[in-house]
Every structure is written in structure tokens, then in C-alpha cells.
Amino acid sequence: VEAWRGTQHGEPHSRCQDAPDIFHAHFGREFESHAWGVAGDAAQHLMW
């Protein structure tokens, strides 16, 4: 999920640099879309 933002741990990452454009093409044109993910988070961290 964080990769949709083009980042890993909040910093730009080459592996996912094209991901924001992909995210917008599929989900950002019709909806107000957000990607709230953090690399390395388990379910307990997301719940927190």
C-alpha cells in the first residue's frame, strides 16, 4: 500500500517510482483516493 505513494518508510524508492501514476490511473480519476500504508507494518501496527 505504501508503494502506491512511491515511497518506502516515507522516502522515495526507485522500486516503486512509477506506482503513483498506476494508482492514479486506476483509482484516482473517479475517486478521492488515499494510500495509507507503512512498509514493515503487521496487523497490530495498522490497528494502532
All heavy atoms as atom14 arrays in JSON, in Angstrom:
{
  "sequence": "VEAWRGTQHGEPHSRCQDAPDIFHAHFGREFESHAWGVAGDAAQHLMW",
  "atom14_mask": [
    [1, 1, 1, 1, 1, 1, 1, 0, 0, 0, 0, 0, 0, 0],
    [1, 1, 1, 1, 1, 1, 1, 1, 1, 0, 0, 0, 0, 0],
    [1, 1, 1, 1, 1, 0, 0, 0, 0, 0, 0, 0, 0, 0],
    [1, 1, 1, 1, 1, 1, 1, 1, 1, 1, 1, 1, 1, 1],
    [1, 1, 1, 1, 1, 1, 1, 1, 1, 1, 1, 0, 0, 0],
    [1, 1, 1, 1, 0, 0, 0, 0, 0, 0, 0, 0, 0, 0],
    [1, 1, 1, 1, 1, 1, 1, 0, 0, 0, 0, 0, 0, 0],
    [1, 1, 1, 1, 1, 1, 1, 1, 1, 0, 0, 0, 0, 0],
    [1, 1, 1, 1, 1, 1, 1, 1, 1, 1, 0, 0, 0, 0],
    [1, 1, 1, 1, 0, 0, 0, 0, 0, 0, 0, 0, 0, 0],
    [1, 1, 1, 1, 1, 1, 1, 1, 1, 0, 0, 0, 0, 0],
    [1, 1, 1, 1, 1, 1, 1, 0, 0, 0, 0, 0, 0, 0],
    [1, 1, 1, 1, 1, 1, 1, 1, 1, 1, 0, 0, 0, 0],
    [1, 1, 1, 1, 1, 1, 0, 0, 0, 0, 0, 0, 0, 0],
    [1, 1, 1, 1, 1, 1, 1, 1, 1, 1, 1, 0, 0, 0],
    [1, 1, 1, 1, 1, 1, 0, 0, 0, 0, 0, 0, 0, 0],
    [1, 1, 1, 1, 1, 1, 1, 1, 1, 0, 0, 0, 0, 0],
    [1, 1, 1, 1, 1, 1, 1, 1, 0, 0, 0, 0, 0, 0],
    [1, 1, 1, 1, 1, 0, 0, 0, 0, 0, 0, 0, 0, 0],
    [1, 1, 1, 1, 1, 1, 1, 0, 0, 0, 0, 0, 0, 0],
    [1, 1, 1, 1, 1, 1, 1, 1, 0, 0, 0, 0, 0, 0],
    [1, 1, 1, 1, 1, 1, 1, 1, 0, 0, 0, 0, 0, 0],
    [1, 1, 1, 1, 1, 1, 1, 1, 1, 1, 1, 0, 0, 0],
    [1, 1, 1, 1, 1, 1, 1, 1, 1, 1, 0, 0, 0, 0],
    [1, 1, 1, 1, 1, 0, 0, 0, 0, 0, 0, 0, 0, 0],
    [1, 1, 1, 1, 1, 1, 1, 1, 1, 1, 0, 0, 0, 0],
    [1, 1, 1, 1, 1, 1, 1, 1, 1, 1, 1, 0, 0, 0],
    [1, 1, 1, 1, 0, 0, 0, 0, 0, 0, 0, 0, 0, 0],
    [1, 1, 1, 1, 1, 1, 1, 1, 1, 1, 1, 0, 0, 0],
    [1, 1, 1, 1, 1, 1, 1, 1, 1, 0, 0, 0, 0, 0],
    [1, 1, 1, 1, 1, 1, 1, 1, 1, 1, 1, 0, 0, 0],
    [1, 1, 1, 1, 1, 1, 1, 1, 1, 0, 0, 0, 0, 0],
    [1, 1, 1, 1, 1, 1, 0, 0, 0, 0, 0, 0, 0, 0],
    [1, 1, 1, 1, 1, 1, 1, 1, 1, 1, 0, 0, 0, 0],
    [1, 1, 1, 1, 1, 0, 0, 0, 0, 0, 0, 0, 0, 0],
    [1, 1, 1, 1, 1, 1, 1, 1, 1, 1, 1, 1, 1, 1],
    [1, 1, 1, 1, 0, 0, 0, 0, 0, 0, 0, 0, 0, 0],
    [1, 1, 1, 1, 1, 1, 1, 0, 0, 0, 0, 0, 0, 0],
    [1, 1, 1, 1, 1, 0, 0, 0, 0, 0, 0, 0, 0, 0],
    [1, 1, 1, 1, 0, 0, 0, 0, 0, 0, 0, 0, 0, 0],
    [1, 1, 1, 1, 1, 1, 1, 1, 0, 0, 0, 0, 0, 0],
    [1, 1, 1, 1, 1, 0, 0, 0, 0, 0, 0, 0, 0, 0],
    [1, 1, 1, 1, 1, 0, 0, 0, 0, 0, 0, 0, 0, 0],
    [1, 1, 1, 1, 1, 1, 1, 1, 1, 0, 0, 0, 0, 0],
    [1, 1, 1, 1, 1, 1, 1, 1, 1, 1, 0, 0, 0, 0],
    [1, 1, 1, 1, 1, 1, 1, 1, 0, 0, 0, 0, 0, 0],
    [1, 1, 1, 1, 1, 1, 1, 1, 0, 0, 0, 0, 0, 0],
    [1, 1, 1, 1, 1, 1, 1, 1, 1, 1, 1, 1, 1, 1]
  ],
  "atom14_positions": [
    [[0.83, -1.2, 0.0], [0.0, 0.0, 0.0], [0.87, 1.26, 0.0], [0.58, 2.22, -0.72], [-0.96, -0.01, 1.2], [-1.73, 1.31, 1.29], [-1.93, -1.17, 1.11], [0.0, 0.0, 0.0], [0.0, 0.0, 0.0], [0.0, 0.0, 0.0], [0.0, 0.0, 0.0], [0.0, 0.0, 0.0], [0.0, 0.0, 0.0], [0.0, 0.0, 0.0]],
    [[1.94, 1.25, 0.79], [2.81, 2.42, 0.78], [3.44, 2.63, -0.6], [3.68, 3.78, -1.02], [3.92, 2.32, 1.83], [4.74, 3.61, 1.88], [5.88, 3.6, 2.88], [6.04, 2.61, 3.6], [6.62, 4.6, 2.91], [0.0, 0.0, 0.0], [0.0, 0.0, 0.0], [0.0, 0.0, 0.0], [0.0, 0.0, 0.0], [0.0, 0.0, 0.0]],
    [[3.71, 1.55, -1.31], [4.32, 1.66, -2.63], [3.47, 2.49, -3.58], [4.0, 3.13, -4.49], [4.57, 0.27, -3.22], [0.0, 0.0, 0.0], [0.0, 0.0, 0.0], [0.0, 0.0, 0.0], [0.0, 0.0, 0.0], [0.0, 0.0, 0.0], [0.0, 0.0, 0.0], [0.0, 0.0, 0.0], [0.0, 0.0, 0.0], [0.0, 0.0, 0.0]],
    [[2.13, 2.5, -3.38], [1.27, 3.32, -4.22], [1.66, 4.8, -4.13], [1.37, 5.59, -5.03], [-0.19, 3.18, -3.82], [-0.83, 1.85, -4.09], [-1.47, 1.08, -3.17], [-0.95, 1.15, -5.33], [-1.96, -0.07, -3.76], [-1.66, -0.04, -5.09], [-0.51, 1.42, -6.63], [-1.94, -0.96, -6.09], [-0.8, 0.51, -7.63], [-1.51, -0.67, -7.36]],
    [[2.32, 5.17, -3.01], [2.74, 6.56, -2.82], [4.12, 6.81, -3.45], [4.6, 7.94, -3.47], [2.8, 6.89, -1.33], [1.51, 6.67, -0.59], [1.67, 6.88, 0.92], [1.9, 8.27, 1.27], [0.96, 9.12, 1.66], [-0.3, 8.7, 1.76], [1.25, 10.36, 1.98], [0.0, 0.0, 0.0], [0.0, 0.0, 0.0], [0.0, 0.0, 0.0]],
    [[4.78, 5.71, -3.88], [6.12, 5.83, -4.43], [7.2, 5.88, -3.38], [8.33, 6.27, -3.66], [0.0, 0.0, 0.0], [0.0, 0.0, 0.0], [0.0, 0.0, 0.0], [0.0, 0.0, 0.0], [0.0, 0.0, 0.0], [0.0, 0.0, 0.0], [0.0, 0.0, 0.0], [0.0, 0.0, 0.0], [0.0, 0.0, 0.0], [0.0, 0.0, 0.0]],
    [[6.85, 5.46, -2.16], [7.81, 5.56, -1.05], [7.98, 4.25, -0.3], [7.16, 3.33, -0.43], [7.37, 6.63, -0.04], [6.14, 6.21, 0.61], [7.16, 7.97, -0.71], [0.0, 0.0, 0.0], [0.0, 0.0, 0.0], [0.0, 0.0, 0.0], [0.0, 0.0, 0.0], [0.0, 0.0, 0.0], [0.0, 0.0, 0.0], [0.0, 0.0, 0.0]],
    [[9.02, 4.18, 0.49], [9.24, 3.11, 1.46], [9.73, 3.77, 2.73], [10.72, 4.49, 2.72], [10.28, 2.1, 0.93], [10.55, 0.95, 1.9], [11.41, -0.12, 1.27], [11.02, -0.75, 0.3], [12.6, -0.33, 1.81], [0.0, 0.0, 0.0], [0.0, 0.0, 0.0], [0.0, 0.0, 0.0], [0.0, 0.0, 0.0], [0.0, 0.0, 0.0]],
    [[9.0, 3.57, 3.81], [9.27, 4.27, 5.08], [9.28, 5.78, 4.89], [10.06, 6.5, 5.51], [10.59, 3.8, 5.7], [10.6, 2.35, 6.06], [9.67, 1.78, 6.88], [11.44, 1.35, 5.68], [9.92, 0.48, 7.0], [10.97, 0.19, 6.28], [0.0, 0.0, 0.0], [0.0, 0.0, 0.0], [0.0, 0.0, 0.0], [0.0, 0.0, 0.0]],
    [[8.39, 6.25, 4.02], [8.23, 7.68, 3.84], [9.22, 8.34, 2.91], [9.11, 9.54, 2.64], [0.0, 0.0, 0.0], [0.0, 0.0, 0.0], [0.0, 0.0, 0.0], [0.0, 0.0, 0.0], [0.0, 0.0, 0.0], [0.0, 0.0, 0.0], [0.0, 0.0, 0.0], [0.0, 0.0, 0.0], [0.0, 0.0, 0.0], [0.0, 0.0, 0.0]],
    [[10.16, 7.58, 2.37], [11.17, 8.13, 1.48], [11.0, 7.58, 0.07], [10.66, 6.41, -0.11], [12.58, 7.79, 1.99], [12.91, 8.35, 3.37], [12.96, 9.86, 3.37], [13.29, 10.45, 2.31], [12.7, 10.46, 4.42], [0.0, 0.0, 0.0], [0.0, 0.0, 0.0], [0.0, 0.0, 0.0], [0.0, 0.0, 0.0], [0.0, 0.0, 0.0]],
    [[11.21, 8.41, -0.97], [11.09, 7.92, -2.35], [11.99, 6.71, -2.58], [13.11, 6.65, -2.09], [11.56, 9.12, -3.18], [11.28, 10.3, -2.31], [11.55, 9.84, -0.91], [0.0, 0.0, 0.0], [0.0, 0.0, 0.0], [0.0, 0.0, 0.0], [0.0, 0.0, 0.0], [0.0, 0.0, 0.0], [0.0, 0.0, 0.0], [0.0, 0.0, 0.0]],
    [[11.46, 5.73, -3.32], [12.2, 4.49, -3.57], [12.1, 4.14, -5.05], [11.01, 4.19, -5.64], [11.63, 3.36, -2.72], [12.52, 2.16, -2.63], [12.61, 1.22, -3.64], [13.37, 1.74, -1.65], [13.46, 0.28, -3.29], [13.94, 0.57, -2.09], [0.0, 0.0, 0.0], [0.0, 0.0, 0.0], [0.0, 0.0, 0.0], [0.0, 0.0, 0.0]],
    [[13.24, 3.78, -5.65], [13.28, 3.53, -7.09], [12.36, 2.38, -7.5], [11.8, 2.39, -8.6], [14.71, 3.23, -7.53], [15.23, 2.1, -6.83], [0.0, 0.0, 0.0], [0.0, 0.0, 0.0], [0.0, 0.0, 0.0], [0.0, 0.0, 0.0], [0.0, 0.0, 0.0], [0.0, 0.0, 0.0], [0.0, 0.0, 0.0], [0.0, 0.0, 0.0]],
    [[12.19, 1.38, -6.63], [11.38, 0.22, -6.98], [9.93, 0.61, -7.25], [9.25, -0.04, -8.06], [11.45, -0.81, -5.85], [10.52, -2.01, -6.03], [10.69, -3.02, -4.91], [10.58, -2.42, -3.6], [9.41, -2.13, -3.01], [8.27, -2.35, -3.63], [9.38, -1.6, -1.8], [0.0, 0.0, 0.0], [0.0, 0.0, 0.0], [0.0, 0.0, 0.0]],
    [[9.44, 1.63, -6.59], [8.02, 1.98, -6.73], [7.82, 3.4, -7.28], [6.79, 4.01, -7.04], [7.31, 1.83, -5.4], [8.16, 2.5, -3.96], [0.0, 0.0, 0.0], [0.0, 0.0, 0.0], [0.0, 0.0, 0.0], [0.0, 0.0, 0.0], [0.0, 0.0, 0.0], [0.0, 0.0, 0.0], [0.0, 0.0, 0.0], [0.0, 0.0, 0.0]],
    [[8.79, 3.89, -8.03], [8.69, 5.26, -8.51], [7.55, 5.46, -9.5], [7.02, 6.57, -9.65], [10.02, 5.69, -9.14], [10.43, 4.9, -10.36], [11.79, 5.33, -10.9], [12.43, 6.23, -10.34], [12.22, 4.7, -11.98], [0.0, 0.0, 0.0], [0.0, 0.0, 0.0], [0.0, 0.0, 0.0], [0.0, 0.0, 0.0], [0.0, 0.0, 0.0]],
    [[7.15, 4.41, -10.21], [6.05, 4.52, -11.17], [4.69, 4.2, -10.55], [3.65, 4.4, -11.2], [6.28, 3.57, -12.35], [7.53, 3.94, -13.15], [7.82, 5.14, -13.27], [8.21, 3.02, -13.63], [0.0, 0.0, 0.0], [0.0, 0.0, 0.0], [0.0, 0.0, 0.0], [0.0, 0.0, 0.0], [0.0, 0.0, 0.0], [0.0, 0.0, 0.0]],
    [[4.68, 3.72, -9.31], [3.44, 3.27, -8.69], [2.4, 4.38, -8.52], [1.2, 4.12, -8.71], [3.74, 2.6, -7.35], [0.0, 0.0, 0.0], [0.0, 0.0, 0.0], [0.0, 0.0, 0.0], [0.0, 0.0, 0.0], [0.0, 0.0, 0.0], [0.0, 0.0, 0.0], [0.0, 0.0, 0.0], [0.0, 0.0, 0.0], [0.0, 0.0, 0.0]],
    [[2.78, 5.61, -8.15], [1.75, 6.65, -8.01], [0.96, 6.89, -9.3], [-0.26, 7.11, -9.25], [2.56, 7.89, -7.61], [3.75, 7.34, -6.9], [4.09, 6.09, -7.67], [0.0, 0.0, 0.0], [0.0, 0.0, 0.0], [0.0, 0.0, 0.0], [0.0, 0.0, 0.0], [0.0, 0.0, 0.0], [0.0, 0.0, 0.0], [0.0, 0.0, 0.0]],
    [[1.62, 6.85, -10.45], [0.92, 7.03, -11.72], [-0.04, 5.88, -11.99], [-1.16, 6.08, -12.49], [1.92, 7.14, -12.87], [2.72, 8.43, -12.82], [2.26, 9.4, -12.2], [3.83, 8.46, -13.39], [0.0, 0.0, 0.0], [0.0, 0.0, 0.0], [0.0, 0.0, 0.0], [0.0, 0.0, 0.0], [0.0, 0.0, 0.0], [0.0, 0.0, 0.0]],
    [[0.37, 4.66, -11.64], [-0.5, 3.5, -11.8], [-1.71, 3.62, -10.88], [-2.86, 3.37, -11.29], [0.28, 2.2, -11.49], [1.42, 2.01, -12.49], [-0.66, 1.0, -11.48], [2.38, 0.9, -12.12], [0.0, 0.0, 0.0], [0.0, 0.0, 0.0], [0.0, 0.0, 0.0], [0.0, 0.0, 0.0], [0.0, 0.0, 0.0], [0.0, 0.0, 0.0]],
    [[-1.46, 4.04, -9.66], [-2.53, 4.22, -8.67], [-3.55, 5.24, -9.17], [-4.77, 5.03, -9.12], [-1.92, 4.66, -7.35], [-2.91, 4.75, -6.21], [-3.39, 3.61, -5.61], [-3.33, 5.99, -5.72], [-4.29, 3.68, -4.54], [-4.22, 6.08, -4.68], [-4.7, 4.93, -4.09], [0.0, 0.0, 0.0], [0.0, 0.0, 0.0], [0.0, 0.0, 0.0]],
    [[-3.05, 6.37, -9.67], [-3.94, 7.42, -10.14], [-4.75, 6.95, -11.36], [-5.96, 7.24, -11.46], [-3.14, 8.66, -10.51], [-3.99, 9.77, -11.05], [-4.83, 10.54, -10.27], [-4.16, 10.22, -12.34], [-5.47, 11.41, -11.03], [-5.08, 11.24, -12.28], [0.0, 0.0, 0.0], [0.0, 0.0, 0.0], [0.0, 0.0, 0.0], [0.0, 0.0, 0.0]],
    [[-4.1, 6.24, -12.26], [-4.78, 5.78, -13.48], [-5.95, 4.86, -13.15], [-7.01, 4.92, -13.8], [-3.79, 5.08, -14.41], [0.0, 0.0, 0.0], [0.0, 0.0, 0.0], [0.0, 0.0, 0.0], [0.0, 0.0, 0.0], [0.0, 0.0, 0.0], [0.0, 0.0, 0.0], [0.0, 0.0, 0.0], [0.0, 0.0, 0.0], [0.0, 0.0, 0.0]],
    [[-5.78, 4.01, -12.15], [-6.83, 3.04, -11.82], [-7.82, 3.56, -10.78], [-9.01, 3.22, -10.85], [-6.2, 1.74, -11.3], [-5.58, 0.9, -12.37], [-6.29, -0.04, -13.08], [-4.31, 0.86, -12.85], [-5.49, -0.64, -13.95], [-4.29, -0.11, -13.83], [0.0, 0.0, 0.0], [0.0, 0.0, 0.0], [0.0, 0.0, 0.0], [0.0, 0.0, 0.0]],
    [[-7.35, 4.34, -9.82], [-8.19, 4.68, -8.68], [-8.32, 6.17, -8.38], [-9.12, 6.55, -7.53], [-7.63, 3.98, -7.42], [-7.38, 2.51, -7.6], [-6.09, 1.99, -7.5], [-8.42, 1.65, -7.9], [-5.85, 0.63, -7.67], [-8.19, 0.28, -8.08], [-6.9, -0.22, -7.97], [0.0, 0.0, 0.0], [0.0, 0.0, 0.0], [0.0, 0.0, 0.0]],
    [[-7.55, 7.0, -9.05], [-7.55, 8.41, -8.7], [-8.38, 9.31, -9.59], [-8.59, 10.48, -9.28], [0.0, 0.0, 0.0], [0.0, 0.0, 0.0], [0.0, 0.0, 0.0], [0.0, 0.0, 0.0], [0.0, 0.0, 0.0], [0.0, 0.0, 0.0], [0.0, 0.0, 0.0], [0.0, 0.0, 0.0], [0.0, 0.0, 0.0], [0.0, 0.0, 0.0]],
    [[-8.86, 8.81, -10.71], [-9.6, 9.65, -11.65], [-11.06, 9.83, -11.26], [-11.65, 10.88, -11.48], [-9.51, 9.07, -13.06], [-8.1, 9.16, -13.65], [-7.99, 8.45, -14.99], [-6.66, 8.61, -15.58], [-6.21, 7.93, -16.62], [-7.0, 7.03, -17.2], [-4.99, 8.14, -17.08], [0.0, 0.0, 0.0], [0.0, 0.0, 0.0], [0.0, 0.0, 0.0]],
    [[-11.65, 8.79, -10.68], [-13.07, 8.84, -10.33], [-13.3, 9.0, -8.84], [-14.39, 9.4, -8.43], [-13.77, 7.57, -10.81], [-13.7, 7.34, -12.3], [-14.33, 6.03, -12.69], [-15.52, 5.81, -12.35], [-13.65, 5.2, -13.32], [0.0, 0.0, 0.0], [0.0, 0.0, 0.0], [0.0, 0.0, 0.0], [0.0, 0.0, 0.0], [0.0, 0.0, 0.0]],
    [[-12.3, 8.68, -8.04], [-12.47, 8.7, -6.59], [-11.45, 9.62, -5.93], [-10.4, 9.91, -6.5], [-12.31, 7.29, -6.0], [-13.03, 6.22, -6.75], [-12.34, 5.21, -7.39], [-14.43, 6.22, -6.82], [-13.0, 4.21, -8.09], [-15.11, 5.23, -7.52], [-14.39, 4.22, -8.15], [0.0, 0.0, 0.0], [0.0, 0.0, 0.0], [0.0, 0.0, 0.0]],
    [[-11.78, 10.04, -4.71], [-10.79, 10.7, -3.87], [-10.05, 9.59, -3.13], [-10.56, 9.03, -2.16], [-11.47, 11.65, -2.89], [-10.5, 12.55, -2.14], [-11.2, 13.63, -1.36], [-12.06, 14.33, -1.95], [-10.89, 13.78, -0.17], [0.0, 0.0, 0.0], [0.0, 0.0, 0.0], [0.0, 0.0, 0.0], [0.0, 0.0, 0.0], [0.0, 0.0, 0.0]],
    [[-8.88, 9.22, -3.63], [-8.19, 8.01, -3.18], [-7.0, 8.33, -2.3], [-6.31, 9.34, -2.5], [-7.72, 7.2, -4.39], [-8.82, 6.89, -5.23], [0.0, 0.0, 0.0], [0.0, 0.0, 0.0], [0.0, 0.0, 0.0], [0.0, 0.0, 0.0], [0.0, 0.0, 0.0], [0.0, 0.0, 0.0], [0.0, 0.0, 0.0], [0.0, 0.0, 0.0]],
    [[-6.75, 7.44, -1.34], [-5.63, 7.59, -0.42], [-4.95, 6.25, -0.21], [-5.61, 5.21, -0.2], [-6.1, 8.12, 0.94], [-7.0, 9.32, 0.83], [-8.38, 9.19, 0.82], [-6.72, 10.63, 0.7], [-8.92, 10.4, 0.7], [-7.94, 11.3, 0.62], [0.0, 0.0, 0.0], [0.0, 0.0, 0.0], [0.0, 0.0, 0.0], [0.0, 0.0, 0.0]],
    [[-3.64, 6.27, -0.05], [-2.87, 5.06, 0.25], [-2.16, 5.28, 1.57], [-1.19, 6.04, 1.66], [-1.86, 4.8, -0.87], [0.0, 0.0, 0.0], [0.0, 0.0, 0.0], [0.0, 0.0, 0.0], [0.0, 0.0, 0.0], [0.0, 0.0, 0.0], [0.0, 0.0, 0.0], [0.0, 0.0, 0.0], [0.0, 0.0, 0.0], [0.0, 0.0, 0.0]],
    [[-2.66, 4.63, 2.62], [-2.1, 4.78, 3.96], [-1.47, 3.46, 4.38], [-2.04, 2.67, 5.12], [-3.2, 5.23, 4.92], [-3.68, 6.63, 4.63], [-2.91, 7.69, 4.26], [-5.03, 7.1, 4.64], [-3.69, 8.81, 4.07], [-5.0, 8.48, 4.29], [-6.27, 6.51, 4.94], [-6.16, 9.26, 4.22], [-7.41, 7.3, 4.86], [-7.35, 8.65, 4.51]],
    [[-0.27, 3.23, 3.88], [0.47, 2.02, 4.22], [1.85, 2.36, 4.72], [2.4, 3.41, 4.39], [0.0, 0.0, 0.0], [0.0, 0.0, 0.0], [0.0, 0.0, 0.0], [0.0, 0.0, 0.0], [0.0, 0.0, 0.0], [0.0, 0.0, 0.0], [0.0, 0.0, 0.0], [0.0, 0.0, 0.0], [0.0, 0.0, 0.0], [0.0, 0.0, 0.0]],
    [[2.41, 1.45, 5.5], [3.78, 1.62, 6.01], [4.53, 0.3, 5.82], [4.08, -0.75, 6.3], [3.8, 2.01, 7.5], [5.24, 2.18, 7.97], [3.01, 3.29, 7.73], [0.0, 0.0, 0.0], [0.0, 0.0, 0.0], [0.0, 0.0, 0.0], [0.0, 0.0, 0.0], [0.0, 0.0, 0.0], [0.0, 0.0, 0.0], [0.0, 0.0, 0.0]],
    [[5.64, 0.36, 5.13], [6.44, -0.84, 4.9], [6.84, -1.46, 6.24], [7.31, -0.77, 7.15], [7.69, -0.48, 4.1], [0.0, 0.0, 0.0], [0.0, 0.0, 0.0], [0.0, 0.0, 0.0], [0.0, 0.0, 0.0], [0.0, 0.0, 0.0], [0.0, 0.0, 0.0], [0.0, 0.0, 0.0], [0.0, 0.0, 0.0], [0.0, 0.0, 0.0]],
    [[6.65, -2.75, 6.36], [7.04, -3.45, 7.57], [5.98, -3.49, 8.65], [6.18, -4.08, 9.71], [0.0, 0.0, 0.0], [0.0, 0.0, 0.0], [0.0, 0.0, 0.0], [0.0, 0.0, 0.0], [0.0, 0.0, 0.0], [0.0, 0.0, 0.0], [0.0, 0.0, 0.0], [0.0, 0.0, 0.0], [0.0, 0.0, 0.0], [0.0, 0.0, 0.0]],
    [[4.82, -2.89, 8.4], [3.75, -2.92, 9.4], [3.02, -4.26, 9.37], [2.65, -4.76, 8.3], [2.74, -1.81, 9.14], [3.08, -0.53, 9.88], [4.23, -0.42, 10.36], [2.21, 0.35, 9.97], [0.0, 0.0, 0.0], [0.0, 0.0, 0.0], [0.0, 0.0, 0.0], [0.0, 0.0, 0.0], [0.0, 0.0, 0.0], [0.0, 0.0, 0.0]],
    [[2.8, -4.82, 10.56], [1.96, -6.0, 10.72], [0.56, -5.53, 11.09], [0.31, -4.33, 11.27], [2.54, -6.91, 11.8], [0.0, 0.0, 0.0], [0.0, 0.0, 0.0], [0.0, 0.0, 0.0], [0.0, 0.0, 0.0], [0.0, 0.0, 0.0], [0.0, 0.0, 0.0], [0.0, 0.0, 0.0], [0.0, 0.0, 0.0], [0.0, 0.0, 0.0]],
    [[-0.37, -6.46, 11.25], [-1.75, -6.11, 11.57], [-1.84, -5.33, 12.87], [-2.67, -4.41, 13.0], [-2.61, -7.37, 11.64], [0.0, 0.0, 0.0], [0.0, 0.0, 0.0], [0.0, 0.0, 0.0], [0.0, 0.0, 0.0], [0.0, 0.0, 0.0], [0.0, 0.0, 0.0], [0.0, 0.0, 0.0], [0.0, 0.0, 0.0], [0.0, 0.0, 0.0]],
    [[-1.01, -5.68, 13.84], [-1.07, -4.98, 15.13], [-0.66, -3.52, 15.0], [-1.19, -2.65, 15.71], [-0.16, -5.68, 16.15], [1.3, -5.72, 15.77], [2.12, -6.53, 16.75], [1.72, -6.75, 17.89], [3.29, -6.98, 16.31], [0.0, 0.0, 0.0], [0.0, 0.0, 0.0], [0.0, 0.0, 0.0], [0.0, 0.0, 0.0], [0.0, 0.0, 0.0]],
    [[0.26, -3.22, 14.09], [0.69, -1.84, 13.89], [-0.38, -1.04, 13.15], [-0.62, 0.13, 13.47], [2.0, -1.82, 13.12], [3.07, -2.66, 13.73], [3.76, -3.63, 13.02], [3.54, -2.7, 15.0], [4.61, -4.23, 13.82], [4.5, -3.69, 15.02], [0.0, 0.0, 0.0], [0.0, 0.0, 0.0], [0.0, 0.0, 0.0], [0.0, 0.0, 0.0]],
    [[-1.03, -1.67, 12.17], [-2.1, -0.98, 11.46], [-3.25, -0.67, 12.4], [-3.83, 0.43, 12.35], [-2.58, -1.83, 10.28], [-3.8, -1.29, 9.52], [-3.57, 0.13, 9.02], [-4.18, -2.22, 8.38], [0.0, 0.0, 0.0], [0.0, 0.0, 0.0], [0.0, 0.0, 0.0], [0.0, 0.0, 0.0], [0.0, 0.0, 0.0], [0.0, 0.0, 0.0]],
    [[-3.62, -1.62, 13.25], [-4.7, -1.37, 14.19], [-4.36, -0.19, 15.11], [-5.21, 0.67, 15.38], [-5.01, -2.62, 15.02], [-6.1, -2.42, 16.05], [-7.72, -2.07, 15.3], [-8.53, -3.65, 15.56], [0.0, 0.0, 0.0], [0.0, 0.0, 0.0], [0.0, 0.0, 0.0], [0.0, 0.0, 0.0], [0.0, 0.0, 0.0], [0.0, 0.0, 0.0]],
    [[-3.13, -0.12, 15.56], [-2.71, 1.01, 16.41], [-2.88, 2.32, 15.65], [-3.4, 3.3, 16.18], [-1.26, 0.84, 16.85], [-0.83, 1.85, 17.88], [-0.82, 1.71, 19.24], [-0.35, 3.19, 17.62], [-0.38, 2.86, 19.84], [-0.08, 3.78, 18.88], [-0.13, 3.94, 16.47], [0.4, 5.1, 19.01], [0.34, 5.25, 16.58], [0.6, 5.81, 17.84]]
  ]
}
